[in-house]
């Protein structure tokens, strides 16, 4: 199974840009709504078409999404947090894995 994977950093405002290659593969475009779910190592973002009880974010025309403040607080995410962004084709989802900080 081939995977698209890139590194990204979240902005102080909570914005993070989903790589264009991943947006194209999932057919994500400006104005689409993504469901955002916490997982132990980061976040899962998935396009949705129906009402739900999850956190959500609207995709901008250049692929930016805002990670809600409650999720950033729960996972201790800030502007110094780095992510590995990858496509999970089986789940039709964007996976944001929090990378461990380098020491030394």
PDB file of N, CA and C in Angstrom:
ATOM      1  N   UNK A   1       0.854  -1.182   0.000  1.00  0.00           N
ATOM      2  CA  UNK A   1       0.000   0.000   0.000  1.00  0.00           C
ATOM      3  C   UNK A   1       0.893   1.235   0.000  1.00  0.00           C
ATOM      4  N   UNK A   2       0.751   2.105  -0.997  1.00  0.00           N
ATOM      5  CA  UNK A   2       1.544   3.329  -1.031  1.00  0.00           C
ATOM      6  C   UNK A   2       0.890   4.389  -0.159  1.00  0.00           C
ATOM      7  N   UNK A   3       1.740   5.199   0.461  1.00  0.00           N
ATOM      8  CA  UNK A   3       1.227   6.246   1.331  1.00  0.00           C
ATOM      9  C   UNK A   3       1.878   7.567   0.974  1.00  0.00           C
ATOM     10  N   UNK A   4       1.117   8.633   1.067  1.00  0.00           N
ATOM     11  CA  UNK A   4       1.634   9.978   0.926  1.00  0.00           C
ATOM     12  C   UNK A   4       1.876  10.486   2.330  1.00  0.00           C
ATOM     13  N   UNK A   5       3.090  10.983   2.584  1.00  0.00           N
ATOM     14  CA  UNK A   5       3.433  11.419   3.934  1.00  0.00           C
ATOM     15  C   UNK A   5       4.311  12.661   3.847  1.00  0.00           C
ATOM     16  N   UNK A   6       3.957  13.709   4.584  1.00  0.00           N
ATOM     17  CA  UNK A   6       4.735  14.941   4.622  1.00  0.00           C
ATOM     18  C   UNK A   6       4.756  15.469   6.047  1.00  0.00           C
ATOM     19  N   UNK A   7       5.740  16.315   6.340  1.00  0.00           N
ATOM     20  CA  UNK A   7       5.843  16.922   7.663  1.00  0.00           C
ATOM     21  C   UNK A   7       5.214  18.302   7.642  1.00  0.00           C
ATOM     22  N   UNK A   8       4.524  18.652   8.718  1.00  0.00           N
ATOM     23  CA  UNK A   8       3.884  19.957   8.849  1.00  0.00           C
ATOM     24  C   UNK A   8       3.995  20.435  10.294  1.00  0.00           C
ATOM     25  N   UNK A   9       3.873  21.765  10.473  1.00  0.00           N
ATOM     26  CA  UNK A   9       3.847  22.370  11.798  1.00  0.00           C
ATOM     27  C   UNK A   9       2.557  23.176  11.916  1.00  0.00           C
ATOM     28  N   UNK A  10       1.950  23.132  13.081  1.00  0.00           N
ATOM     29  CA  UNK A  10       0.729  23.890  13.329  1.00  0.00           C
ATOM     30  C   UNK A  10       1.108  25.336  13.644  1.00  0.00           C
ATOM     31  N   UNK A  11       0.305  26.287  13.241  1.00  0.00           N
ATOM     32  CA  UNK A  11       0.533  27.706  13.522  1.00  0.00           C
ATOM     33  C   UNK A  11      -0.042  28.051  14.896  1.00  0.00           C
ATOM     34  N   UNK A  12       0.381  29.184  15.429  1.00  0.00           N
ATOM     35  CA  UNK A  12      -0.098  29.627  16.739  1.00  0.00           C
ATOM     36  C   UNK A  12      -1.623  29.730  16.757  1.00  0.00           C
ATOM     37  N   UNK A  13      -2.198  30.102  15.629  1.00  0.00           N
ATOM     38  CA  UNK A  13      -3.649  30.256  15.509  1.00  0.00           C
ATOM     39  C   UNK A  13      -4.388  28.920  15.472  1.00  0.00           C
ATOM     40  N   UNK A  14      -3.629  27.818  15.350  1.00  0.00           N
ATOM     41  CA  UNK A  14      -4.247  26.501  15.257  1.00  0.00           C
ATOM     42  C   UNK A  14      -4.385  25.996  13.833  1.00  0.00           C
ATOM     43  N   UNK A  15      -3.940  26.785  12.849  1.00  0.00           N
ATOM     44  CA  UNK A  15      -4.037  26.377  11.447  1.00  0.00           C
ATOM     45  C   UNK A  15      -2.930  25.401  11.064  1.00  0.00           C
ATOM     46  N   UNK A  16      -3.286  24.481  10.206  1.00  0.00           N
ATOM     47  CA  UNK A  16      -2.356  23.512   9.646  1.00  0.00           C
ATOM     48  C   UNK A  16      -2.775  23.290   8.196  1.00  0.00           C
ATOM     49  N   UNK A  17      -1.807  23.224   7.287  1.00  0.00           N
ATOM     50  CA  UNK A  17      -2.120  23.033   5.872  1.00  0.00           C
ATOM     51  C   UNK A  17      -1.989  21.564   5.489  1.00  0.00           C
ATOM     52  N   UNK A  18      -3.053  21.024   4.922  1.00  0.00           N
ATOM     53  CA  UNK A  18      -3.028  19.651   4.407  1.00  0.00           C
ATOM     54  C   UNK A  18      -2.349  19.709   3.038  1.00  0.00           C
ATOM     55  N   UNK A  19      -1.335  18.887   2.812  1.00  0.00           N
ATOM     56  CA  UNK A  19      -0.643  18.914   1.517  1.00  0.00           C
ATOM     57  C   UNK A  19      -1.600  18.726   0.335  1.00  0.00           C
ATOM     58  N   UNK A  20      -1.307  19.445  -0.758  1.00  0.00           N
ATOM     59  CA  UNK A  20      -2.156  19.399  -1.949  1.00  0.00           C
ATOM     60  C   UNK A  20      -2.322  17.979  -2.479  1.00  0.00           C
ATOM     61  N   UNK A  21      -1.253  17.194  -2.462  1.00  0.00           N
ATOM     62  CA  UNK A  21      -1.341  15.822  -2.984  1.00  0.00           C
ATOM     63  C   UNK A  21      -2.361  14.990  -2.204  1.00  0.00           C
ATOM     64  N   UNK A  22      -2.434  15.192  -0.892  1.00  0.00           N
ATOM     65  CA  UNK A  22      -3.406  14.469  -0.062  1.00  0.00           C
ATOM     66  C   UNK A  22      -4.811  15.001  -0.311  1.00  0.00           C
ATOM     67  N   UNK A  23      -4.958  16.341  -0.403  1.00  0.00           N
ATOM     68  CA  UNK A  23      -6.276  16.922  -0.685  1.00  0.00           C
ATOM     69  C   UNK A  23      -6.830  16.399  -2.006  1.00  0.00           C
ATOM     70  N   UNK A  24      -5.971  16.308  -3.016  1.00  0.00           N
ATOM     71  CA  UNK A  24      -6.423  15.820  -4.324  1.00  0.00           C
ATOM     72  C   UNK A  24      -6.857  14.362  -4.256  1.00  0.00           C
ATOM     73  N   UNK A  25      -6.109  13.530  -3.544  1.00  0.00           N
ATOM     74  CA  UNK A  25      -6.451  12.105  -3.468  1.00  0.00           C
ATOM     75  C   UNK A  25      -7.758  11.861  -2.726  1.00  0.00           C
ATOM     76  N   UNK A  26      -8.075  12.720  -1.749  1.00  0.00           N
ATOM     77  CA  UNK A  26      -9.324  12.565  -0.992  1.00  0.00           C
ATOM     78  C   UNK A  26     -10.440  13.454  -1.539  1.00  0.00           C
ATOM     79  N   UNK A  27     -10.151  14.179  -2.635  1.00  0.00           N
ATOM     80  CA  UNK A  27     -11.118  15.089  -3.241  1.00  0.00           C
ATOM     81  C   UNK A  27     -11.623  16.113  -2.223  1.00  0.00           C
ATOM     82  N   UNK A  28     -10.688  16.687  -1.448  1.00  0.00           N
ATOM     83  CA  UNK A  28     -11.004  17.725  -0.467  1.00  0.00           C
ATOM     84  C   UNK A  28     -10.773  19.073  -1.129  1.00  0.00           C
ATOM     85  N   UNK A  29     -11.768  19.966  -1.036  1.00  0.00           N
ATOM     86  CA  UNK A  29     -11.623  21.281  -1.654  1.00  0.00           C
ATOM     87  C   UNK A  29     -12.138  22.373  -0.726  1.00  0.00           C
ATOM     88  N   UNK A  30     -11.959  23.612  -1.161  1.00  0.00           N
ATOM     89  CA  UNK A  30     -12.352  24.793  -0.403  1.00  0.00           C
ATOM     90  C   UNK A  30     -13.802  24.675   0.053  1.00  0.00           C
ATOM     91  N   UNK A  31     -14.033  24.868   1.344  1.00  0.00           N
ATOM     92  CA  UNK A  31     -15.380  24.834   1.896  1.00  0.00           C
ATOM     93  C   UNK A  31     -15.837  23.481   2.403  1.00  0.00           C
ATOM     94  N   UNK A  32     -15.094  22.424   2.091  1.00  0.00           N
ATOM     95  CA  UNK A  32     -15.455  21.102   2.612  1.00  0.00           C
ATOM     96  C   UNK A  32     -15.319  21.084   4.132  1.00  0.00           C
ATOM     97  N   UNK A  33     -16.125  20.269   4.776  1.00  0.00           N
ATOM     98  CA  UNK A  33     -16.080  20.131   6.232  1.00  0.00           C
ATOM     99  C   UNK A  33     -15.376  18.821   6.566  1.00  0.00           C
ATOM    100  N   UNK A  34     -14.411  18.896   7.494  1.00  0.00           N
ATOM    101  CA  UNK A  34     -13.701  17.705   7.949  1.00  0.00           C
ATOM    102  C   UNK A  34     -14.072  17.406   9.388  1.00  0.00           C
ATOM    103  N   UNK A  35     -14.340  16.146   9.683  1.00  0.00           N
ATOM    104  CA  UNK A  35     -14.531  15.688  11.053  1.00  0.00           C
ATOM    105  C   UNK A  35     -13.130  15.502  11.636  1.00  0.00           C
ATOM    106  N   UNK A  36     -12.908  15.964  12.863  1.00  0.00           N
ATOM    107  CA  UNK A  36     -11.606  15.838  13.514  1.00  0.00           C
ATOM    108  C   UNK A  36     -11.778  15.005  14.770  1.00  0.00           C
ATOM    109  N   UNK A  37     -11.015  13.892  14.834  1.00  0.00           N
ATOM    110  CA  UNK A  37     -11.097  12.990  15.983  1.00  0.00           C
ATOM    111  C   UNK A  37      -9.717  12.831  16.605  1.00  0.00           C
ATOM    112  N   UNK A  38      -9.675  12.836  17.932  1.00  0.00           N
ATOM    113  CA  UNK A  38      -8.426  12.581  18.644  1.00  0.00           C
ATOM    114  C   UNK A  38      -8.123  11.090  18.604  1.00  0.00           C
ATOM    115  N   UNK A  39      -6.848  10.770  18.525  1.00  0.00           N
ATOM    116  CA  UNK A  39      -6.387   9.395  18.681  1.00  0.00           C
ATOM    117  C   UNK A  39      -5.122   9.467  19.525  1.00  0.00           C
ATOM    118  N   UNK A  40      -4.648   8.363  20.070  1.00  0.00           N
ATOM    119  CA  UNK A  40      -3.514   8.406  21.002  1.00  0.00           C
ATOM    120  C   UNK A  40      -2.270   9.131  20.477  1.00  0.00           C
ATOM    121  N   UNK A  41      -1.947   8.983  19.200  1.00  0.00           N
ATOM    122  CA  UNK A  41      -0.725   9.588  18.673  1.00  0.00           C
ATOM    123  C   UNK A  41      -0.956  10.864  17.884  1.00  0.00           C
ATOM    124  N   UNK A  42      -2.186  11.361  17.823  1.00  0.00           N
ATOM    125  CA  UNK A  42      -2.448  12.570  17.051  1.00  0.00           C
ATOM    126  C   UNK A  42      -3.909  12.729  16.708  1.00  0.00           C
ATOM    127  N   UNK A  43      -4.189  13.028  15.434  1.00  0.00           N
ATOM    128  CA  UNK A  43      -5.543  13.335  14.991  1.00  0.00           C
ATOM    129  C   UNK A  43      -5.884  12.586  13.714  1.00  0.00           C
ATOM    130  N   UNK A  44      -7.178  12.365  13.509  1.00  0.00           N
ATOM    131  CA  UNK A  44      -7.698  11.849  12.247  1.00  0.00           C
ATOM    132  C   UNK A  44      -8.673  12.896  11.733  1.00  0.00           C
ATOM    133  N   UNK A  45      -8.518  13.306  10.472  1.00  0.00           N
ATOM    134  CA  UNK A  45      -9.438  14.251   9.836  1.00  0.00           C
ATOM    135  C   UNK A  45     -10.050  13.560   8.631  1.00  0.00           C
ATOM    136  N   UNK A  46     -11.377  13.619   8.548  1.00  0.00           N
ATOM    137  CA  UNK A  46     -12.080  12.871   7.511  1.00  0.00           C
ATOM    138  C   UNK A  46     -13.201  13.730   6.932  1.00  0.00           C
ATOM    139  N   UNK A  47     -13.331  13.772   5.597  1.00  0.00           N
ATOM    140  CA  UNK A  47     -14.444  14.521   5.002  1.00  0.00           C
ATOM    141  C   UNK A  47     -15.784  13.938   5.448  1.00  0.00           C
ATOM    142  N   UNK A  48     -16.760  14.818   5.674  1.00  0.00           N
ATOM    143  CA  UNK A  48     -18.090  14.358   6.091  1.00  0.00           C
ATOM    144  C   UNK A  48     -19.165  15.045   5.265  1.00  0.00           C
ATOM    145  N   UNK A  49     -20.300  14.429   5.191  1.00  0.00           N
ATOM    146  CA  UNK A  49     -21.421  14.969   4.426  1.00  0.00           C
ATOM    147  C   UNK A  49     -22.709  15.016   5.238  1.00  0.00           C
ATOM    148  N   UNK A  50     -22.636  14.731   6.530  1.00  0.00           N
ATOM    149  CA  UNK A  50     -23.857  14.645   7.323  1.00  0.00           C
ATOM    150  C   UNK A  50     -23.635  15.264   8.700  1.00  0.00           C
ATOM    151  N   UNK A  51     -24.717  15.446   9.429  1.00  0.00           N
ATOM    152  CA  UNK A  51     -24.630  15.975  10.789  1.00  0.00           C
ATOM    153  C   UNK A  51     -23.938  14.963  11.697  1.00  0.00           C
ATOM    154  N   UNK A  52     -23.228  15.455  12.679  1.00  0.00           N
ATOM    155  CA  UNK A  52     -22.461  14.584  13.571  1.00  0.00           C
ATOM    156  C   UNK A  52     -22.200  15.318  14.881  1.00  0.00           C
ATOM    157  N   UNK A  53     -21.576  14.630  15.821  1.00  0.00           N
ATOM    158  CA  UNK A  53     -21.289  15.237  17.118  1.00  0.00           C
ATOM    159  C   UNK A  53     -19.795  15.469  17.329  1.00  0.00           C
ATOM    160  N   UNK A  54     -18.994  15.319  16.291  1.00  0.00           N
ATOM    161  CA  UNK A  54     -17.556  15.476  16.408  1.00  0.00           C
ATOM    162  C   UNK A  54     -17.141  16.923  16.174  1.00  0.00           C
ATOM    163  N   UNK A  55     -15.884  17.221  16.521  1.00  0.00           N
ATOM    164  CA  UNK A  55     -15.310  18.506  16.151  1.00  0.00           C
ATOM    165  C   UNK A  55     -15.188  18.550  14.640  1.00  0.00           C
ATOM    166  N   UNK A  56     -15.207  19.758  14.096  1.00  0.00           N
ATOM    167  CA  UNK A  56     -15.088  19.886  12.653  1.00  0.00           C
ATOM    168  C   UNK A  56     -14.289  21.128  12.300  1.00  0.00           C
ATOM    169  N   UNK A  57     -13.812  21.168  11.067  1.00  0.00           N
ATOM    170  CA  UNK A  57     -13.096  22.318  10.544  1.00  0.00           C
ATOM    171  C   UNK A  57     -13.410  22.428   9.065  1.00  0.00           C
ATOM    172  N   UNK A  58     -13.498  23.662   8.570  1.00  0.00           N
ATOM    173  CA  UNK A  58     -13.760  23.903   7.155  1.00  0.00           C
ATOM    174  C   UNK A  58     -12.430  24.127   6.457  1.00  0.00           C
ATOM    175  N   UNK A  59     -12.247  23.498   5.314  1.00  0.00           N
ATOM    176  CA  UNK A  59     -11.004  23.593   4.550  1.00  0.00           C
ATOM    177  C   UNK A  59     -10.999  24.887   3.739  1.00  0.00           C
ATOM    178  N   UNK A  60      -9.867  25.631   3.801  1.00  0.00           N
ATOM    179  CA  UNK A  60      -9.735  26.846   2.994  1.00  0.00           C
ATOM    180  C   UNK A  60      -9.271  26.477   1.592  1.00  0.00           C
ATOM    181  N   UNK A  61      -9.224  27.470   0.697  1.00  0.00           N
ATOM    182  CA  UNK A  61      -8.854  27.184  -0.694  1.00  0.00           C
ATOM    183  C   UNK A  61      -7.421  26.701  -0.854  1.00  0.00           C
ATOM    184  N   UNK A  62      -6.540  26.954   0.124  1.00  0.00           N
ATOM    185  CA  UNK A  62      -5.158  26.463   0.020  1.00  0.00           C
ATOM    186  C   UNK A  62      -4.899  25.280   0.948  1.00  0.00           C
ATOM    187  N   UNK A  63      -5.971  24.669   1.470  1.00  0.00           N
ATOM    188  CA  UNK A  63      -5.830  23.450   2.256  1.00  0.00           C
ATOM    189  C   UNK A  63      -5.648  23.648   3.741  1.00  0.00           C
ATOM    190  N   UNK A  64      -5.790  24.878   4.232  1.00  0.00           N
ATOM    191  CA  UNK A  64      -5.630  25.109   5.667  1.00  0.00           C
ATOM    192  C   UNK A  64      -6.878  24.677   6.414  1.00  0.00           C
ATOM    193  N   UNK A  65      -6.644  24.081   7.579  1.00  0.00           N
ATOM    194  CA  UNK A  65      -7.723  23.735   8.499  1.00  0.00           C
ATOM    195  C   UNK A  65      -7.332  24.252   9.873  1.00  0.00           C
ATOM    196  N   UNK A  66      -8.319  24.537  10.692  1.00  0.00           N
ATOM    197  CA  UNK A  66      -8.057  24.992  12.047  1.00  0.00           C
ATOM    198  C   UNK A  66      -8.338  23.845  13.008  1.00  0.00           C
ATOM    199  N   UNK A  67      -7.348  23.517  13.834  1.00  0.00           N
ATOM    200  CA  UNK A  67      -7.534  22.486  14.847  1.00  0.00           C
ATOM    201  C   UNK A  67      -8.195  23.161  16.052  1.00  0.00           C
ATOM    202  N   UNK A  68      -9.380  22.724  16.458  1.00  0.00           N
ATOM    203  CA  UNK A  68     -10.092  23.366  17.562  1.00  0.00           C
ATOM    204  C   UNK A  68      -9.254  23.433  18.844  1.00  0.00           C
ATOM    205  N   UNK A  69      -9.421  24.515  19.588  1.00  0.00           N
ATOM    206  CA  UNK A  69      -8.632  24.774  20.793  1.00  0.00           C
ATOM    207  C   UNK A  69      -8.768  23.652  21.815  1.00  0.00           C
ATOM    208  N   UNK A  70      -9.957  23.055  21.958  1.00  0.00           N
ATOM    209  CA  UNK A  70     -10.116  21.995  22.958  1.00  0.00           C
ATOM    210  C   UNK A  70      -9.268  20.772  22.608  1.00  0.00           C
ATOM    211  N   UNK A  71      -9.129  20.481  21.322  1.00  0.00           N
ATOM    212  CA  UNK A  71      -8.268  19.370  20.908  1.00  0.00           C
ATOM    213  C   UNK A  71      -6.810  19.733  21.128  1.00  0.00           C
ATOM    214  N   UNK A  72      -6.433  20.978  20.790  1.00  0.00           N
ATOM    215  CA  UNK A  72      -5.038  21.398  21.017  1.00  0.00           C
ATOM    216  C   UNK A  72      -4.684  21.306  22.496  1.00  0.00           C
ATOM    217  N   UNK A  73      -5.616  21.684  23.356  1.00  0.00           N
ATOM    218  CA  UNK A  73      -5.353  21.597  24.806  1.00  0.00           C
ATOM    219  C   UNK A  73      -5.258  20.144  25.262  1.00  0.00           C
ATOM    220  N   UNK A  74      -6.197  19.305  24.818  1.00  0.00           N
ATOM    221  CA  UNK A  74      -6.203  17.894  25.229  1.00  0.00           C
ATOM    222  C   UNK A  74      -4.927  17.164  24.841  1.00  0.00           C
ATOM    223  N   UNK A  75      -4.393  17.470  23.655  1.00  0.00           N
ATOM    224  CA  UNK A  75      -3.206  16.777  23.156  1.00  0.00           C
ATOM    225  C   UNK A  75      -1.924  17.585  23.352  1.00  0.00           C
ATOM    226  N   UNK A  76      -2.039  18.726  24.064  1.00  0.00           N
ATOM    227  CA  UNK A  76      -0.878  19.581  24.336  1.00  0.00           C
ATOM    228  C   UNK A  76      -0.179  19.984  23.034  1.00  0.00           C
ATOM    229  N   UNK A  77      -0.953  20.442  22.058  1.00  0.00           N
ATOM    230  CA  UNK A  77      -0.442  20.867  20.754  1.00  0.00           C
ATOM    231  C   UNK A  77      -0.254  22.378  20.768  1.00  0.00           C
ATOM    232  N   UNK A  78       0.905  22.832  20.286  1.00  0.00           N
ATOM    233  CA  UNK A  78       1.162  24.266  20.154  1.00  0.00           C
ATOM    234  C   UNK A  78       1.971  24.517  18.888  1.00  0.00           C
ATOM    235  N   UNK A  79       2.422  25.770  18.697  1.00  0.00           N
ATOM    236  CA  UNK A  79       3.122  26.116  17.457  1.00  0.00           C
ATOM    237  C   UNK A  79       4.478  25.433  17.306  1.00  0.00           C
ATOM    238  N   UNK A  80       4.969  24.799  18.352  1.00  0.00           N
ATOM    239  CA  UNK A  80       6.225  24.049  18.280  1.00  0.00           C
ATOM    240  C   UNK A  80       5.996  22.573  17.928  1.00  0.00           C
ATOM    241  N   UNK A  81       4.737  22.158  17.878  1.00  0.00           N
ATOM    242  CA  UNK A  81       4.402  20.764  17.594  1.00  0.00           C
ATOM    243  C   UNK A  81       4.566  20.473  16.106  1.00  0.00           C
ATOM    244  N   UNK A  82       5.263  19.394  15.792  1.00  0.00           N
ATOM    245  CA  UNK A  82       5.437  18.945  14.412  1.00  0.00           C
ATOM    246  C   UNK A  82       4.604  17.686  14.186  1.00  0.00           C
ATOM    247  N   UNK A  83       4.069  17.576  12.977  1.00  0.00           N
ATOM    248  CA  UNK A  83       3.234  16.441  12.607  1.00  0.00           C
ATOM    249  C   UNK A  83       3.777  15.752  11.370  1.00  0.00           C
ATOM    250  N   UNK A  84       3.540  14.480  11.296  1.00  0.00           N
ATOM    251  CA  UNK A  84       3.664  13.729  10.058  1.00  0.00           C
ATOM    252  C   UNK A  84       2.245  13.663   9.509  1.00  0.00           C
ATOM    253  N   UNK A  85       2.042  14.166   8.293  1.00  0.00           N
ATOM    254  CA  UNK A  85       0.717  14.180   7.677  1.00  0.00           C
ATOM    255  C   UNK A  85       0.695  13.099   6.603  1.00  0.00           C
ATOM    256  N   UNK A  86      -0.256  12.164   6.723  1.00  0.00           N
ATOM    257  CA  UNK A  86      -0.312  11.099   5.726  1.00  0.00           C
ATOM    258  C   UNK A  86      -1.755  10.777   5.364  1.00  0.00           C
ATOM    259  N   UNK A  87      -1.882  10.147   4.243  1.00  0.00           N
ATOM    260  CA  UNK A  87      -3.176   9.728   3.725  1.00  0.00           C
ATOM    261  C   UNK A  87      -3.436   8.286   4.126  1.00  0.00           C
ATOM    262  N   UNK A  88      -4.630   8.022   4.643  1.00  0.00           N
ATOM    263  CA  UNK A  88      -5.068   6.655   4.917  1.00  0.00           C
ATOM    264  C   UNK A  88      -6.204   6.369   3.935  1.00  0.00           C
ATOM    265  N   UNK A  89      -5.865   5.726   2.815  1.00  0.00           N
ATOM    266  CA  UNK A  89      -6.854   5.488   1.762  1.00  0.00           C
ATOM    267  C   UNK A  89      -7.984   4.583   2.219  1.00  0.00           C
ATOM    268  N   UNK A  90      -7.683   3.593   3.048  1.00  0.00           N
ATOM    269  CA  UNK A  90      -8.723   2.664   3.509  1.00  0.00           C
ATOM    270  C   UNK A  90      -9.804   3.381   4.300  1.00  0.00           C
ATOM    271  N   UNK A  91      -9.410   4.369   5.107  1.00  0.00           N
ATOM    272  CA  UNK A  91     -10.368   5.124   5.920  1.00  0.00           C
ATOM    273  C   UNK A  91     -10.792   6.422   5.243  1.00  0.00           C
ATOM    274  N   UNK A  92     -10.231   6.712   4.068  1.00  0.00           N
ATOM    275  CA  UNK A  92     -10.470   7.993   3.386  1.00  0.00           C
ATOM    276  C   UNK A  92     -10.258   9.141   4.357  1.00  0.00           C
ATOM    277  N   UNK A  93      -9.087   9.142   4.995  1.00  0.00           N
ATOM    278  CA  UNK A  93      -8.816  10.108   6.054  1.00  0.00           C
ATOM    279  C   UNK A  93      -7.396  10.653   5.963  1.00  0.00           C
ATOM    280  N   UNK A  94      -7.217  11.833   6.552  1.00  0.00           N
ATOM    281  CA  UNK A  94      -5.901  12.432   6.734  1.00  0.00           C
ATOM    282  C   UNK A  94      -5.477  12.112   8.158  1.00  0.00           C
ATOM    283  N   UNK A  95      -4.286  11.552   8.330  1.00  0.00           N
ATOM    284  CA  UNK A  95      -3.773  11.207   9.652  1.00  0.00           C
ATOM    285  C   UNK A  95      -2.670  12.191  10.012  1.00  0.00           C
ATOM    286  N   UNK A  96      -2.810  12.847  11.156  1.00  0.00           N
ATOM    287  CA  UNK A  96      -1.786  13.750  11.676  1.00  0.00           C
ATOM    288  C   UNK A  96      -1.160  13.073  12.879  1.00  0.00           C
ATOM    289  N   UNK A  97       0.062  12.618  12.730  1.00  0.00           N
ATOM    290  CA  UNK A  97       0.749  11.951  13.832  1.00  0.00           C
ATOM    291  C   UNK A  97       1.710  12.939  14.477  1.00  0.00           C
ATOM    292  N   UNK A  98       1.571  13.132  15.784  1.00  0.00           N
ATOM    293  CA  UNK A  98       2.455  14.042  16.510  1.00  0.00           C
ATOM    294  C   UNK A  98       3.834  13.412  16.591  1.00  0.00           C
ATOM    295  N   UNK A  99       4.839  14.180  16.184  1.00  0.00           N
ATOM    296  CA  UNK A  99       6.213  13.689  16.220  1.00  0.00           C
ATOM    297  C   UNK A  99       6.849  14.050  17.548  1.00  0.00           C
ATOM    298  N   UNK A 100       7.651  13.140  18.073  1.00  0.00           N
ATOM    299  CA  UNK A 100       8.372  13.395  19.316  1.00  0.00           C
ATOM    300  C   UNK A 100       9.382  14.504  19.087  1.00  0.00           C
ATOM    301  N   UNK A 101       9.567  15.358  20.104  1.00  0.00           N
ATOM    302  CA  UNK A 101      10.562  16.421  20.002  1.00  0.00           C
ATOM    303  C   UNK A 101      11.950  15.822  20.035  1.00  0.00           C
ATOM    304  N   UNK A 102      12.834  16.397  19.206  1.00  0.00           N
ATOM    305  CA  UNK A 102      14.220  15.953  19.214  1.00  0.00           C
ATOM    306  C   UNK A 102      14.919  16.564  20.412  1.00  0.00           C
ATOM    307  N   UNK A 103      15.756  15.790  21.071  1.00  0.00           N
ATOM    308  CA  UNK A 103      16.505  16.296  22.215  1.00  0.00           C
ATOM    309  C   UNK A 103      17.973  16.353  21.860  1.00  0.00           C
ATOM    310  N   UNK A 104      18.664  17.334  22.464  1.00  0.00           N
ATOM    311  CA  UNK A 104      20.103  17.432  22.276  1.00  0.00           C
ATOM    312  C   UNK A 104      20.405  18.161  21.069  1.00  0.00           C
TER     313      UNK A 104
END
